[in-house]
PDB file of N, CA and C in Angstrom:
ATOM      1  N   ASP A   1     103.694 166.402  98.666  1.00  0.00           N
ATOM      2  CA  ASP A   1     103.878 165.249  99.525  1.00  0.00           C
ATOM      3  C   ASP A   1     103.986 163.938  98.753  1.00  0.00           C
ATOM      4  N   HIS A   2     103.723 163.983  97.444  1.00  0.00           N
ATOM      5  CA  HIS A   2     103.755 162.767  96.635  1.00  0.00           C
ATOM      6  C   HIS A   2     104.579 162.990  95.373  1.00  0.00           C
ATOM      7  N   LEU A   3     105.140 161.900  94.866  1.00  0.00           N
ATOM      8  CA  LEU A   3     105.875 161.939  93.606  1.00  0.00           C
ATOM      9  C   LEU A   3     105.369 160.839  92.692  1.00  0.00           C
ATOM     10  N   LEU A   4     105.395 161.138  91.413  1.00  0.00           N
ATOM     11  CA  LEU A   4     105.078 160.151  90.395  1.00  0.00           C
ATOM     12  C   LEU A   4     106.321 159.991  89.541  1.00  0.00           C
ATOM     13  N   LEU A   5     106.771 158.770  89.380  1.00  0.00           N
ATOM     14  CA  LEU A   5     107.942 158.454  88.579  1.00  0.00           C
ATOM     15  C   LEU A   5     107.439 157.742  87.334  1.00  0.00           C
ATOM     16  N   VAL A   6     107.655 158.349  86.159  1.00  0.00           N
ATOM     17  CA  VAL A   6     107.129 157.806  84.903  1.00  0.00           C
ATOM     18  C   VAL A   6     108.276 157.573  83.935  1.00  0.00           C
ATOM     19  N   ASN A   7     108.301 156.395  83.323  1.00  0.00           N
ATOM     20  CA  ASN A   7     109.330 156.090  82.341  1.00  0.00           C
ATOM     21  C   ASN A   7     109.176 156.995  81.128  1.00  0.00           C
ATOM     22  N   LYS A   8     110.315 157.396  80.568  1.00  0.00           N
ATOM     23  CA  LYS A   8     110.338 158.297  79.413  1.00  0.00           C
ATOM     24  C   LYS A   8     109.479 157.764  78.269  1.00  0.00           C
ATOM     25  N   ASP A   9     109.552 156.458  77.996  1.00  0.00           N
ATOM     26  CA  ASP A   9     108.791 155.911  76.872  1.00  0.00           C
ATOM     27  C   ASP A   9     107.300 155.769  77.176  1.00  0.00           C
ATOM     28  N   SER A  10     106.888 155.998  78.409  1.00  0.00           N
ATOM     29  CA  SER A  10     105.475 155.912  78.787  1.00  0.00           C
ATOM     30  C   SER A  10     104.862 157.274  79.078  1.00  0.00           C
ATOM     31  N   LEU A  11     105.682 158.319  79.052  1.00  0.00           N
ATOM     32  CA  LEU A  11     105.193 159.646  79.437  1.00  0.00           C
ATOM     33  C   LEU A  11     104.194 160.217  78.437  1.00  0.00           C
ATOM     34  N   LYS A  12     104.468 160.030  77.141  1.00  0.00           N
ATOM     35  CA  LYS A  12     103.560 160.565  76.126  1.00  0.00           C
ATOM     36  C   LYS A  12     102.198 159.892  76.276  1.00  0.00           C
ATOM     37  N   GLY A  13     101.187 160.685  76.502  1.00  0.00           N
ATOM     38  CA  GLY A  13      99.831 160.183  76.654  1.00  0.00           C
ATOM     39  C   GLY A  13      99.476 159.724  78.057  1.00  0.00           C
ATOM     40  N   PHE A  14     100.437 159.747  78.975  1.00  0.00           N
ATOM     41  CA  PHE A  14     100.163 159.262  80.330  1.00  0.00           C
ATOM     42  C   PHE A  14      99.019 160.046  80.967  1.00  0.00           C
ATOM     43  N   PHE A  15      99.120 161.364  80.939  1.00  0.00           N
ATOM     44  CA  PHE A  15      98.086 162.193  81.562  1.00  0.00           C
ATOM     45  C   PHE A  15      96.870 162.351  80.657  1.00  0.00           C
ATOM     46  N   GLU A  16      97.110 162.478  79.347  1.00  0.00           N
ATOM     47  CA  GLU A  16      95.997 162.649  78.409  1.00  0.00           C
ATOM     48  C   GLU A  16      95.064 161.440  78.426  1.00  0.00           C
ATOM     49  N   ASN A  17      95.626 160.256  78.602  1.00  0.00           N
ATOM     50  CA  ASN A  17      94.828 159.026  78.629  1.00  0.00           C
ATOM     51  C   ASN A  17      94.435 158.608  80.043  1.00  0.00           C
ATOM     52  N   ARG A  18      94.723 159.483  80.999  1.00  0.00           N
ATOM     53  CA  ARG A  18      94.353 159.267  82.404  1.00  0.00           C
ATOM     54  C   ARG A  18      94.828 157.921  82.947  1.00  0.00           C
ATOM     55  N   ARG A  19      96.056 157.588  82.626  1.00  0.00           N
ATOM     56  CA  ARG A  19      96.630 156.332  83.115  1.00  0.00           C
ATOM     57  C   ARG A  19      96.956 156.441  84.598  1.00  0.00           C
ATOM     58  N   LEU A  20      96.973 155.300  85.239  1.00  0.00           N
ATOM     59  CA  LEU A  20      97.346 155.206  86.646  1.00  0.00           C
ATOM     60  C   LEU A  20      98.710 154.540  86.753  1.00  0.00           C
ATOM     61  N   HIS A  21      99.378 154.732  87.865  1.00  0.00           N
ATOM     62  CA  HIS A  21     100.671 154.077  88.059  1.00  0.00           C
ATOM     63  C   HIS A  21     100.468 152.568  88.068  1.00  0.00           C
ATOM     64  N   ASP A  22     101.418 151.852  87.483  1.00  0.00           N
ATOM     65  CA  ASP A  22     101.298 150.401  87.378  1.00  0.00           C
ATOM     66  C   ASP A  22     102.450 149.651  88.045  1.00  0.00           C
ATOM     67  N   ASN A  23     103.353 150.387  88.686  1.00  0.00           N
ATOM     68  CA  ASN A  23     104.524 149.805  89.354  1.00  0.00           C
ATOM     69  C   ASN A  23     105.421 149.014  88.408  1.00  0.00           C
ATOM     70  N   VAL A  24     105.330 149.327  87.118  1.00  0.00           N
ATOM     71  CA  VAL A  24     106.227 148.763  86.117  1.00  0.00           C
ATOM     72  C   VAL A  24     106.821 149.891  85.294  1.00  0.00           C
ATOM     73  N   THR A  25     105.967 150.665  84.652  1.00  0.00           N
ATOM     74  CA  THR A  25     106.443 151.805  83.869  1.00  0.00           C
ATOM     75  C   THR A  25     106.231 153.120  84.605  1.00  0.00           C
ATOM     76  N   SER A  26     105.524 153.066  85.723  1.00  0.00           N
ATOM     77  CA  SER A  26     105.305 154.263  86.539  1.00  0.00           C
ATOM     78  C   SER A  26     105.116 153.849  88.000  1.00  0.00           C
ATOM     79  N   PHE A  27     105.574 154.734  88.885  1.00  0.00           N
ATOM     80  CA  PHE A  27     105.530 154.462  90.319  1.00  0.00           C
ATOM     81  C   PHE A  27     105.024 155.699  91.053  1.00  0.00           C
ATOM     82  N   TYR A  28     104.312 155.483  92.148  1.00  0.00           N
ATOM     83  CA  TYR A  28     103.759 156.546  92.973  1.00  0.00           C
ATOM     84  C   TYR A  28     104.314 156.379  94.380  1.00  0.00           C
ATOM     85  N   ALA A  29     104.743 157.464  94.983  1.00  0.00           N
ATOM     86  CA  ALA A  29     105.302 157.377  96.330  1.00  0.00           C
ATOM     87  C   ALA A  29     104.889 158.574  97.166  1.00  0.00           C
ATOM     88  N   SER A  30     104.738 158.328  98.449  1.00  0.00           N
ATOM     89  CA  SER A  30     104.448 159.379  99.422  1.00  0.00           C
ATOM     90  C   SER A  30     105.728 159.750 100.153  1.00  0.00           C
ATOM     91  N   PHE A  31     105.771 160.983 100.611  1.00  0.00           N
ATOM     92  CA  PHE A  31     106.928 161.460 101.360  1.00  0.00           C
ATOM     93  C   PHE A  31     106.855 160.958 102.790  1.00  0.00           C
ATOM     94  N   ASP A  32     107.946 160.386 103.270  1.00  0.00           N
ATOM     95  CA  ASP A  32     108.047 159.920 104.651  1.00  0.00           C
ATOM     96  C   ASP A  32     108.736 161.015 105.460  1.00  0.00           C
ATOM     97  N   LYS A  33     107.980 161.672 106.336  1.00  0.00           N
ATOM     98  CA  LYS A  33     108.512 162.798 107.106  1.00  0.00           C
ATOM     99  C   LYS A  33     109.549 162.375 108.139  1.00  0.00           C
ATOM    100  N   GLU A  34     109.543 161.124 108.531  1.00  0.00           N
ATOM    101  CA  GLU A  34     110.525 160.650 109.513  1.00  0.00           C
ATOM    102  C   GLU A  34     111.894 160.424 108.883  1.00  0.00           C
ATOM    103  N   THR A  35     111.912 159.913 107.658  1.00  0.00           N
ATOM    104  CA  THR A  35     113.190 159.616 106.994  1.00  0.00           C
ATOM    105  C   THR A  35     113.532 160.634 105.909  1.00  0.00           C
ATOM    106  N   TYR A  36     112.626 161.574 105.659  1.00  0.00           N
ATOM    107  CA  TYR A  36     112.803 162.569 104.603  1.00  0.00           C
ATOM    108  C   TYR A  36     113.135 161.902 103.273  1.00  0.00           C
ATOM    109  N   SER A  37     112.326 160.915 102.932  1.00  0.00           N
ATOM    110  CA  SER A  37     112.584 160.177 101.697  1.00  0.00           C
ATOM    111  C   SER A  37     111.278 159.695 101.082  1.00  0.00           C
ATOM    112  N   TYR A  38     111.383 159.235  99.852  1.00  0.00           N
ATOM    113  CA  TYR A  38     110.274 158.622  99.140  1.00  0.00           C
ATOM    114  C   TYR A  38     110.609 157.153  98.944  1.00  0.00           C
ATOM    115  N   ASN A  39     109.637 156.280  99.138  1.00  0.00           N
ATOM    116  CA  ASN A  39     109.849 154.855  98.923  1.00  0.00           C
ATOM    117  C   ASN A  39     109.003 154.427  97.733  1.00  0.00           C
ATOM    118  N   PHE A  40     109.670 154.024  96.672  1.00  0.00           N
ATOM    119  CA  PHE A  40     108.961 153.577  95.480  1.00  0.00           C
ATOM    120  C   PHE A  40     108.733 152.072  95.485  1.00  0.00           C
ATOM    121  N   GLY A  41     109.050 151.421  96.573  1.00  0.00           N
ATOM    122  CA  GLY A  41     108.793 149.994  96.694  1.00  0.00           C
ATOM    123  C   GLY A  41     109.763 149.154  95.882  1.00  0.00           C
ATOM    124  N   ASN A  42     109.344 147.960  95.596  1.00  0.00           N
ATOM    125  CA  ASN A  42     110.177 147.001  94.891  1.00  0.00           C
ATOM    126  C   ASN A  42     110.159 147.299  93.393  1.00  0.00           C
ATOM    127  N   ILE A  43     111.318 147.595  92.830  1.00  0.00           N
ATOM    128  CA  ILE A  43     111.390 147.919  91.399  1.00  0.00           C
ATOM    129  C   ILE A  43     111.788 146.708  90.555  1.00  0.00           C
ATOM    130  N   ALA A  44     111.804 145.515  91.161  1.00  0.00           N
ATOM    131  CA  ALA A  44     112.170 144.303  90.425  1.00  0.00           C
ATOM    132  C   ALA A  44     111.230 144.053  89.252  1.00  0.00           C
ATOM    133  N   ALA A  45     109.936 144.318  89.413  1.00  0.00           N
ATOM    134  CA  ALA A  45     108.979 144.111  88.321  1.00  0.00           C
ATOM    135  C   ALA A  45     109.333 144.979  87.124  1.00  0.00           C
ATOM    136  N   MET A  46     109.773 146.204  87.383  1.00  0.00           N
ATOM    137  CA  MET A  46     110.167 147.114  86.306  1.00  0.00           C
ATOM    138  C   MET A  46     111.395 146.586  85.579  1.00  0.00           C
ATOM    139  N   ILE A  47     112.391 146.165  86.319  1.00  0.00           N
ATOM    140  CA  ILE A  47     113.617 145.656  85.701  1.00  0.00           C
ATOM    141  C   ILE A  47     113.322 144.399  84.886  1.00  0.00           C
ATOM    142  N   ASN A  48     112.531 143.486  85.432  1.00  0.00           N
ATOM    143  CA  ASN A  48     112.180 142.263  84.711  1.00  0.00           C
ATOM    144  C   ASN A  48     111.358 142.555  83.463  1.00  0.00           C
ATOM    145  N   TYR A  49     110.448 143.512  83.538  1.00  0.00           N
ATOM    146  CA  TYR A  49     109.624 143.893  82.388  1.00  0.00           C
ATOM    147  C   TYR A  49     110.502 144.358  81.231  1.00  0.00           C
ATOM    148  N   TYR A  50     111.413 145.272  81.504  1.00  0.00           N
ATOM    149  CA  TYR A  50     112.263 145.798  80.436  1.00  0.00           C
ATOM    150  C   TYR A  50     113.291 144.773  79.968  1.00  0.00           C
ATOM    151  N   LYS A  51     113.707 143.905  80.833  1.00  0.00           N
ATOM    152  CA  LYS A  51     114.636 142.846  80.429  1.00  0.00           C
ATOM    153  C   LYS A  51     113.965 141.902  79.432  1.00  0.00           C
ATOM    154  N   ARG A  52     112.684 141.603  79.642  1.00  0.00           N
ATOM    155  CA  ARG A  52     111.934 140.751  78.706  1.00  0.00           C
ATOM    156  C   ARG A  52     111.635 141.474  77.400  1.00  0.00           C
ATOM    157  N   GLN A  53     111.356 142.786  77.480  1.00  0.00           N
ATOM    158  CA  GLN A  53     110.976 143.562  76.299  1.00  0.00           C
ATOM    159  C   GLN A  53     112.153 143.876  75.384  1.00  0.00           C
ATOM    160  N   LYS A  54     113.306 144.084  75.935  1.00  0.00           N
ATOM    161  CA  LYS A  54     114.484 144.516  75.177  1.00  0.00           C
ATOM    162  C   LYS A  54     115.492 143.377  75.111  1.00  0.00           C
ATOM    163  N   LYS A  55     115.990 143.124  73.930  1.00  0.00           N
ATOM    164  CA  LYS A  55     116.981 142.058  73.761  1.00  0.00           C
ATOM    165  C   LYS A  55     118.404 142.570  73.995  1.00  0.00           C
ATOM    166  N   GLU A  56     118.635 143.845  73.705  1.00  0.00           N
ATOM    167  CA  GLU A  56     119.961 144.422  73.887  1.00  0.00           C
ATOM    168  C   GLU A  56     119.951 145.341  75.113  1.00  0.00           C
ATOM    169  N   ALA A  57     121.088 145.912  75.402  1.00  0.00           N
ATOM    170  CA  ALA A  57     121.188 146.838  76.540  1.00  0.00           C
ATOM    171  C   ALA A  57     120.184 147.976  76.375  1.00  0.00           C
ATOM    172  N   PHE A  58     119.626 148.440  77.466  1.00  0.00           N
ATOM    173  CA  PHE A  58     118.606 149.484  77.402  1.00  0.00           C
ATOM    174  C   PHE A  58     118.866 150.544  78.455  1.00  0.00           C
ATOM    175  N   ASP A  59     118.332 151.719  78.193  1.00  0.00           N
ATOM    176  CA  ASP A  59     118.494 152.861  79.088  1.00  0.00           C
ATOM    177  C   ASP A  59     117.152 153.156  79.729  1.00  0.00           C
ATOM    178  N   LEU A  60     117.077 153.075  81.038  1.00  0.00           N
ATOM    179  CA  LEU A  60     115.841 153.394  81.743  1.00  0.00           C
ATOM    180  C   LEU A  60     115.901 154.840  82.194  1.00  0.00           C
ATOM    181  N   THR A  61     115.144 155.673  81.518  1.00  0.00           N
ATOM    182  CA  THR A  61     115.065 157.081  81.872  1.00  0.00           C
ATOM    183  C   THR A  61     113.687 157.343  82.452  1.00  0.00           C
ATOM    184  N   TYR A  62     113.649 157.814  83.679  1.00  0.00           N
ATOM    185  CA  TYR A  62     112.390 158.120  84.350  1.00  0.00           C
ATOM    186  C   TYR A  62     112.333 159.605  84.671  1.00  0.00           C
ATOM    187  N   TYR A  63     111.120 160.146  84.657  1.00  0.00           N
ATOM    188  CA  TYR A  63     110.894 161.542  85.018  1.00  0.00           C
ATOM    189  C   TYR A  63     110.137 161.597  86.333  1.00  0.00           C
ATOM    190  N   LEU A  64     110.525 162.525  87.195  1.00  0.00           N
ATOM    191  CA  LEU A  64     109.784 162.781  88.426  1.00  0.00           C
ATOM    192  C   LEU A  64     108.739 163.838  88.140  1.00  0.00           C
ATOM    193  N   VAL A  65     107.509 163.548  88.514  1.00  0.00           N
ATOM    194  CA  VAL A  65     106.413 164.484  88.271  1.00  0.00           C
ATOM    195  C   VAL A  65     105.797 164.852  89.600  1.00  0.00           C
TER     196      VAL A  65
END
């Protein structure tokens, strides 16, 4: 009923270090049975975070867990 979306560069150590979703490098969502979808909320914070961190073009690769 739930999904965790974790950025590729944050996956290593995510579970070992017992990290929680931060809505920047990882997102948590519940399944909506009415719309048959997951809502990860506003991803603007994630885009702004990586835009500040990276000076050149970047690839955002996320894994569904």
